[in-house]
Amino acid sequence: MSSQAVCLTLIVPDALHSEVLDYLSEQTDLVTGFTASEAAGHGARVRLRSAAERVKGHADEVVVRIVLPEEDLERLLERLRSAFAGTQLVYWVVPVTAFGIIQ
């Protein structure tokens, strides 16, 4: 029986991005790959951590997207909660209706 695929999106402060990406790379039993891209965080809940961010008016962040089986999602979230407790990582999950490789 195959599980529904989901996409976990993480919003990672720039100061944590190397640590989070390294951590995800180590979770080979749950994470077969991911995509990371730079982003500019805006909004009332976004913390501007440096003088440069305050001048720019946005937080430097990294968006990480991971497609994985829904059955593995909670285990990965539990690991992230344990490893990055207190960091205020933002995440959301959406269903993936199709996923593949065009060859």
N, C-alpha and C. Protein backbone atom coordinates (compact mmCIF):
# COMPACT_ATOMS: atom_id res chain seq x y z
N MET A 1 0.85 -1.18 0.00
CA MET A 1 0.00 0.00 0.00
C MET A 1 0.89 1.24 0.00
N SER A 2 0.66 2.13 -0.95
CA SER A 2 1.49 3.33 -1.00
C SER A 2 0.82 4.46 -0.24
N SER A 3 1.63 5.28 0.35
CA SER A 3 1.17 6.40 1.14
C SER A 3 1.04 7.63 0.26
N GLN A 4 0.13 8.51 0.61
CA GLN A 4 0.01 9.80 -0.05
C GLN A 4 1.29 10.59 0.19
N ALA A 5 1.79 11.23 -0.84
CA ALA A 5 2.97 12.08 -0.68
C ALA A 5 2.53 13.45 -0.18
N VAL A 6 3.39 14.06 0.62
CA VAL A 6 3.16 15.41 1.12
C VAL A 6 4.43 16.22 0.91
N CYS A 7 4.27 17.53 0.92
CA CYS A 7 5.43 18.41 0.85
C CYS A 7 5.50 19.19 2.15
N LEU A 8 6.58 18.98 2.88
CA LEU A 8 6.85 19.74 4.10
C LEU A 8 7.69 20.95 3.71
N THR A 9 7.20 22.13 4.04
CA THR A 9 7.94 23.36 3.79
C THR A 9 8.39 23.92 5.13
N LEU A 10 9.68 24.21 5.23
CA LEU A 10 10.26 24.82 6.43
C LEU A 10 10.77 26.21 6.08
N ILE A 11 10.53 27.16 6.97
CA ILE A 11 11.10 28.49 6.84
C ILE A 11 12.18 28.59 7.91
N VAL A 12 13.43 28.74 7.47
CA VAL A 12 14.58 28.67 8.36
C VAL A 12 15.30 30.01 8.38
N PRO A 13 15.52 30.58 9.56
CA PRO A 13 16.32 31.81 9.62
C PRO A 13 17.71 31.56 9.03
N ASP A 14 18.24 32.54 8.34
CA ASP A 14 19.53 32.39 7.68
C ASP A 14 20.62 31.92 8.64
N ALA A 15 20.57 32.37 9.88
CA ALA A 15 21.59 32.00 10.86
C ALA A 15 21.59 30.49 11.16
N LEU A 16 20.47 29.81 10.91
CA LEU A 16 20.36 28.37 11.20
C LEU A 16 20.43 27.51 9.95
N HIS A 17 20.51 28.12 8.78
CA HIS A 17 20.30 27.33 7.57
C HIS A 17 21.33 26.22 7.39
N SER A 18 22.60 26.45 7.67
CA SER A 18 23.60 25.39 7.51
C SER A 18 23.34 24.23 8.46
N GLU A 19 22.99 24.56 9.69
CA GLU A 19 22.72 23.52 10.68
C GLU A 19 21.50 22.69 10.29
N VAL A 20 20.44 23.34 9.83
CA VAL A 20 19.22 22.62 9.45
C VAL A 20 19.48 21.77 8.21
N LEU A 21 20.16 22.32 7.21
CA LEU A 21 20.42 21.56 5.99
C LEU A 21 21.32 20.36 6.28
N ASP A 22 22.31 20.54 7.11
CA ASP A 22 23.17 19.41 7.51
C ASP A 22 22.35 18.35 8.24
N TYR A 23 21.49 18.79 9.14
CA TYR A 23 20.65 17.86 9.90
C TYR A 23 19.75 17.05 8.96
N LEU A 24 19.10 17.75 8.04
CA LEU A 24 18.21 17.05 7.10
C LEU A 24 18.99 16.06 6.25
N SER A 25 20.19 16.41 5.86
CA SER A 25 21.02 15.50 5.05
C SER A 25 21.37 14.23 5.80
N GLU A 26 21.37 14.29 7.12
CA GLU A 26 21.68 13.11 7.95
C GLU A 26 20.47 12.20 8.15
N GLN A 27 19.27 12.67 7.85
CA GLN A 27 18.04 11.90 8.09
C GLN A 27 17.72 11.03 6.89
N THR A 28 18.67 10.21 6.47
CA THR A 28 18.53 9.46 5.22
C THR A 28 17.42 8.42 5.24
N ASP A 29 16.98 8.01 6.41
CA ASP A 29 15.88 7.04 6.46
C ASP A 29 14.54 7.68 6.15
N LEU A 30 14.43 9.01 6.28
CA LEU A 30 13.18 9.71 6.02
C LEU A 30 13.27 10.72 4.88
N VAL A 31 14.43 11.29 4.68
CA VAL A 31 14.60 12.36 3.69
C VAL A 31 15.52 11.86 2.58
N THR A 32 14.96 11.69 1.39
CA THR A 32 15.76 11.23 0.25
C THR A 32 16.34 12.39 -0.54
N GLY A 33 15.86 13.58 -0.27
CA GLY A 33 16.35 14.79 -0.93
C GLY A 33 15.47 15.96 -0.54
N PHE A 34 15.94 17.15 -0.82
CA PHE A 34 15.16 18.35 -0.53
C PHE A 34 15.68 19.49 -1.39
N THR A 35 14.90 20.54 -1.45
CA THR A 35 15.27 21.75 -2.19
C THR A 35 15.31 22.91 -1.22
N ALA A 36 16.34 23.73 -1.32
CA ALA A 36 16.46 24.91 -0.46
C ALA A 36 16.67 26.13 -1.35
N SER A 37 16.01 27.22 -0.99
CA SER A 37 16.18 28.46 -1.74
C SER A 37 16.11 29.65 -0.79
N GLU A 38 16.79 30.72 -1.17
CA GLU A 38 16.80 31.93 -0.36
C GLU A 38 15.43 32.61 -0.43
N ALA A 39 15.08 33.29 0.66
CA ALA A 39 13.80 33.98 0.72
C ALA A 39 13.94 35.23 1.59
N ALA A 40 12.99 36.12 1.44
CA ALA A 40 12.92 37.33 2.26
C ALA A 40 11.64 37.27 3.07
N GLY A 41 11.77 37.19 4.39
CA GLY A 41 10.61 37.07 5.27
C GLY A 41 10.04 38.43 5.64
N HIS A 42 8.73 38.56 5.49
CA HIS A 42 8.02 39.80 5.83
C HIS A 42 6.86 39.47 6.75
N GLY A 43 6.44 40.42 7.57
CA GLY A 43 5.24 40.23 8.38
C GLY A 43 5.45 40.54 9.84
N ALA A 44 4.34 40.63 10.54
CA ALA A 44 4.36 41.02 11.95
C ALA A 44 5.09 40.00 12.82
N ARG A 45 5.06 38.72 12.45
CA ARG A 45 5.71 37.68 13.26
C ARG A 45 7.16 37.43 12.89
N VAL A 46 7.64 38.07 11.84
CA VAL A 46 9.01 37.87 11.39
C VAL A 46 9.95 38.68 12.26
N ARG A 47 11.00 38.01 12.78
CA ARG A 47 11.98 38.68 13.62
C ARG A 47 13.13 39.18 12.76
N LEU A 48 13.37 40.48 12.80
CA LEU A 48 14.52 41.05 12.10
C LEU A 48 15.68 41.00 13.08
N ARG A 49 16.61 40.08 12.85
CA ARG A 49 17.64 39.75 13.83
C ARG A 49 18.87 40.64 13.77
N SER A 50 19.14 41.25 12.65
CA SER A 50 20.36 42.05 12.52
C SER A 50 20.02 43.47 12.07
N ALA A 51 21.00 44.34 12.22
CA ALA A 51 20.82 45.72 11.76
C ALA A 51 20.58 45.73 10.25
N ALA A 52 21.28 44.89 9.52
CA ALA A 52 21.10 44.83 8.07
C ALA A 52 19.67 44.43 7.71
N GLU A 53 19.10 43.46 8.43
CA GLU A 53 17.72 43.07 8.16
C GLU A 53 16.76 44.21 8.49
N ARG A 54 17.02 44.93 9.56
CA ARG A 54 16.14 46.06 9.91
C ARG A 54 16.20 47.14 8.85
N VAL A 55 17.39 47.39 8.29
CA VAL A 55 17.52 48.38 7.22
C VAL A 55 16.78 47.91 5.97
N LYS A 56 16.96 46.63 5.61
CA LYS A 56 16.30 46.08 4.42
C LYS A 56 14.79 45.94 4.61
N GLY A 57 14.37 45.76 5.86
CA GLY A 57 12.94 45.60 6.13
C GLY A 57 12.44 44.18 5.96
N HIS A 58 13.34 43.21 5.87
CA HIS A 58 12.93 41.81 5.80
C HIS A 58 14.02 40.92 6.41
N ALA A 59 13.59 39.73 6.79
CA ALA A 59 14.52 38.76 7.37
C ALA A 59 15.07 37.87 6.26
N ASP A 60 16.37 37.61 6.32
CA ASP A 60 16.98 36.66 5.39
C ASP A 60 16.64 35.25 5.89
N GLU A 61 16.02 34.48 5.02
CA GLU A 61 15.57 33.14 5.39
C GLU A 61 15.86 32.17 4.26
N VAL A 62 15.70 30.90 4.57
CA VAL A 62 15.83 29.84 3.58
C VAL A 62 14.54 29.03 3.61
N VAL A 63 13.99 28.77 2.45
CA VAL A 63 12.81 27.92 2.32
C VAL A 63 13.29 26.53 1.93
N VAL A 64 12.89 25.53 2.71
CA VAL A 64 13.28 24.15 2.44
C VAL A 64 12.00 23.36 2.15
N ARG A 65 12.02 22.64 1.03
CA ARG A 65 10.86 21.81 0.65
C ARG A 65 11.31 20.36 0.57
N ILE A 66 10.53 19.50 1.24
CA ILE A 66 10.83 18.07 1.29
C ILE A 66 9.57 17.32 0.90
N VAL A 67 9.65 16.50 -0.13
CA VAL A 67 8.53 15.62 -0.50
C VAL A 67 8.82 14.26 0.11
N LEU A 68 7.84 13.76 0.86
CA LEU A 68 8.01 12.48 1.53
C LEU A 68 6.66 11.82 1.73
N PRO A 69 6.64 10.52 2.01
CA PRO A 69 5.37 9.86 2.28
C PRO A 69 4.74 10.42 3.55
N GLU A 70 3.43 10.59 3.52
CA GLU A 70 2.72 11.13 4.68
C GLU A 70 3.00 10.32 5.94
N GLU A 71 3.19 9.02 5.78
CA GLU A 71 3.44 8.16 6.94
C GLU A 71 4.76 8.48 7.64
N ASP A 72 5.69 9.14 6.97
CA ASP A 72 6.97 9.51 7.56
C ASP A 72 6.99 10.93 8.13
N LEU A 73 5.98 11.70 7.82
CA LEU A 73 5.95 13.12 8.18
C LEU A 73 6.08 13.35 9.68
N GLU A 74 5.27 12.69 10.47
CA GLU A 74 5.27 12.96 11.91
C GLU A 74 6.60 12.58 12.55
N ARG A 75 7.22 11.51 12.08
CA ARG A 75 8.53 11.14 12.63
C ARG A 75 9.57 12.22 12.34
N LEU A 76 9.54 12.77 11.12
CA LEU A 76 10.48 13.83 10.79
C LEU A 76 10.19 15.09 11.61
N LEU A 77 8.93 15.44 11.75
CA LEU A 77 8.58 16.61 12.56
C LEU A 77 9.00 16.43 14.02
N GLU A 78 8.83 15.24 14.56
CA GLU A 78 9.26 14.98 15.94
C GLU A 78 10.77 15.17 16.08
N ARG A 79 11.52 14.68 15.11
CA ARG A 79 12.98 14.86 15.15
C ARG A 79 13.35 16.34 15.07
N LEU A 80 12.69 17.07 14.18
CA LEU A 80 12.97 18.50 14.04
C LEU A 80 12.61 19.25 15.32
N ARG A 81 11.48 18.90 15.93
CA ARG A 81 11.07 19.55 17.18
C ARG A 81 12.11 19.32 18.27
N SER A 82 12.66 18.12 18.32
CA SER A 82 13.66 17.80 19.33
C SER A 82 14.98 18.51 19.04
N ALA A 83 15.43 18.44 17.81
CA ALA A 83 16.73 18.99 17.45
C ALA A 83 16.75 20.52 17.43
N PHE A 84 15.60 21.15 17.14
CA PHE A 84 15.57 22.61 16.97
C PHE A 84 14.56 23.27 17.91
N ALA A 85 14.39 22.69 19.08
CA ALA A 85 13.47 23.25 20.07
C ALA A 85 13.86 24.70 20.37
N GLY A 86 12.88 25.56 20.44
CA GLY A 86 13.11 26.96 20.79
C GLY A 86 13.53 27.85 19.64
N THR A 87 13.70 27.32 18.45
CA THR A 87 14.18 28.12 17.32
C THR A 87 13.06 28.80 16.54
N GLN A 88 11.83 28.44 16.82
CA GLN A 88 10.67 29.05 16.16
C GLN A 88 10.65 28.79 14.65
N LEU A 89 11.11 27.62 14.22
CA LEU A 89 11.01 27.27 12.80
C LEU A 89 9.53 27.23 12.41
N VAL A 90 9.23 27.79 11.29
CA VAL A 90 7.87 27.80 10.76
C VAL A 90 7.77 26.67 9.73
N TYR A 91 6.64 25.97 9.71
CA TYR A 91 6.46 24.92 8.71
C TYR A 91 5.00 24.81 8.32
N TRP A 92 4.77 24.21 7.17
CA TRP A 92 3.43 23.81 6.76
C TRP A 92 3.56 22.60 5.86
N VAL A 93 2.44 21.91 5.69
CA VAL A 93 2.39 20.67 4.93
C VAL A 93 1.25 20.76 3.93
N VAL A 94 1.51 20.37 2.69
CA VAL A 94 0.46 20.31 1.67
C VAL A 94 0.54 18.95 0.97
N PRO A 95 -0.61 18.45 0.50
CA PRO A 95 -0.59 17.19 -0.24
C PRO A 95 0.09 17.37 -1.59
N VAL A 96 0.73 16.31 -2.06
CA VAL A 96 1.35 16.30 -3.39
C VAL A 96 0.50 15.38 -4.26
N THR A 97 -0.08 15.92 -5.31
CA THR A 97 -0.95 15.11 -6.17
C THR A 97 -0.18 14.35 -7.22
N ALA A 98 1.03 14.80 -7.54
CA ALA A 98 1.88 14.09 -8.48
C ALA A 98 3.33 14.41 -8.16
N PHE A 99 4.18 13.41 -8.37
CA PHE A 99 5.61 13.60 -8.13
C PHE A 99 6.36 12.61 -8.99
N GLY A 100 7.36 13.06 -9.69
CA GLY A 100 8.12 12.15 -10.53
C GLY A 100 9.35 12.83 -11.09
N ILE A 101 10.00 12.13 -11.97
CA ILE A 101 11.18 12.62 -12.66
C ILE A 101 10.94 12.51 -14.15
N ILE A 102 11.13 13.60 -14.86
CA ILE A 102 10.98 13.59 -16.32
C ILE A 102 12.35 13.23 -16.90
N GLN A 103 12.41 12.14 -17.62
CA GLN A 103 13.70 11.68 -18.16
C GLN A 103 13.73 11.77 -19.66
